[in-house]
Protein backbone atom coordinates (compact mmCIF):
# COMPACT_ATOMS: atom_id res chain seq x y z
CA MET A 1 134.66 66.64 96.72
CA GLN A 2 131.94 69.42 96.20
CA THR A 3 132.76 72.99 95.64
CA HIS A 4 130.88 75.80 96.67
CA PRO A 5 129.77 78.09 93.64
CA ASP A 6 130.95 80.97 92.84
CA PHE A 7 128.59 84.23 93.67
CA ARG A 8 129.40 85.58 90.70
CA SER A 9 127.06 82.80 89.06
CA PHE A 10 123.83 83.47 91.26
CA PRO A 11 121.41 85.52 89.06
CA THR A 12 121.10 89.41 90.10
CA SER A 13 118.34 90.61 88.16
CA GLY A 14 116.38 91.84 90.72
CA LEU A 15 119.53 93.50 92.54
CA ASN A 16 120.51 96.07 89.34
CA LYS A 17 116.84 97.93 89.46
CA LYS A 18 116.67 101.28 89.85
CA HIS A 19 113.08 101.68 90.09
CA MET A 20 109.99 100.53 91.30
CA SER A 21 107.50 98.15 89.62
CA PHE A 22 104.16 99.35 88.91
CA PRO A 23 102.78 96.91 91.28
CA SER A 24 105.27 97.66 93.94
CA LEU A 25 104.31 101.53 93.39
CA ILE A 26 100.64 100.20 94.20
CA PHE A 27 101.39 98.61 97.41
CA TRP A 28 103.50 101.52 98.69
CA LEU A 29 100.62 104.24 97.47
CA ILE A 30 97.70 102.07 99.14
CA PHE A 31 99.41 100.25 102.22
CA VAL A 32 102.24 101.38 103.83
CA ILE A 33 101.93 105.39 103.15
CA PRO A 34 98.23 104.92 104.71
CA LEU A 35 99.49 102.71 107.35
CA VAL A 36 102.54 104.82 108.18
CA VAL A 37 100.55 107.93 108.55
CA PHE A 38 97.80 106.29 110.64
CA LEU A 39 100.53 104.81 113.11
CA ILE A 40 101.97 108.49 113.28
CA TRP A 41 98.62 109.63 114.03
CA VAL A 42 97.76 107.43 116.66
CA MET A 43 101.02 107.54 118.49
CA ARG A 44 100.41 111.53 118.40
CA GLN A 45 96.98 110.66 120.04
CA ASP A 46 98.10 108.46 122.56
CA LYS A 47 99.43 110.43 125.96
CA ARG A 48 100.96 106.76 126.64
CA ARG A 49 104.19 107.78 124.76
CA GLY A 50 103.37 105.97 121.76
CA VAL A 51 102.13 102.47 123.15
CA ALA A 52 99.16 102.01 121.68
CA GLY A 53 100.98 102.74 117.97
CA LEU A 54 103.52 100.42 119.21
CA LEU A 55 101.03 97.74 119.79
CA ILE A 56 99.08 98.08 117.05
CA LEU A 57 102.57 97.62 114.58
CA LEU A 58 103.73 94.36 116.88
CA THR A 59 100.21 93.00 115.74
CA ILE A 60 100.43 93.98 112.30
CA VAL A 61 103.59 92.23 111.99
CA ALA A 62 103.11 89.34 114.57
CA VAL A 63 99.43 88.82 111.93
CA GLY A 64 102.42 89.20 109.33
CA VAL A 65 104.81 86.37 110.33
CA ILE A 66 101.96 84.07 111.21
CA TYR A 67 100.16 84.30 107.99
CA MET A 68 103.25 83.89 106.05
CA TYR A 69 104.08 80.77 108.23
CA LEU A 70 101.04 79.01 108.07
CA LYS A 71 100.98 79.71 103.59
CA THR A 72 104.43 78.21 103.61
CA GLY A 73 104.17 75.49 105.73
CA GLY A 74 106.80 76.49 107.84
CA GLN A 75 109.58 76.40 105.51
């Protein structure tokens, strides 16, 4: 009979970090923060209560999911 491993035996090297790595900071500064600012700007310009911003966000999420699906082969 196979027993389940104890959760304390799993590596936790990435879980206890208190700071982001340099590539993570670059990603946030170049991609995430400008995207959030752009989406806020689009939603404020939209007179239909943020429909355009929501459509842009859904498009970005859909493209990301499709890309990751194709990249990983559906696994």
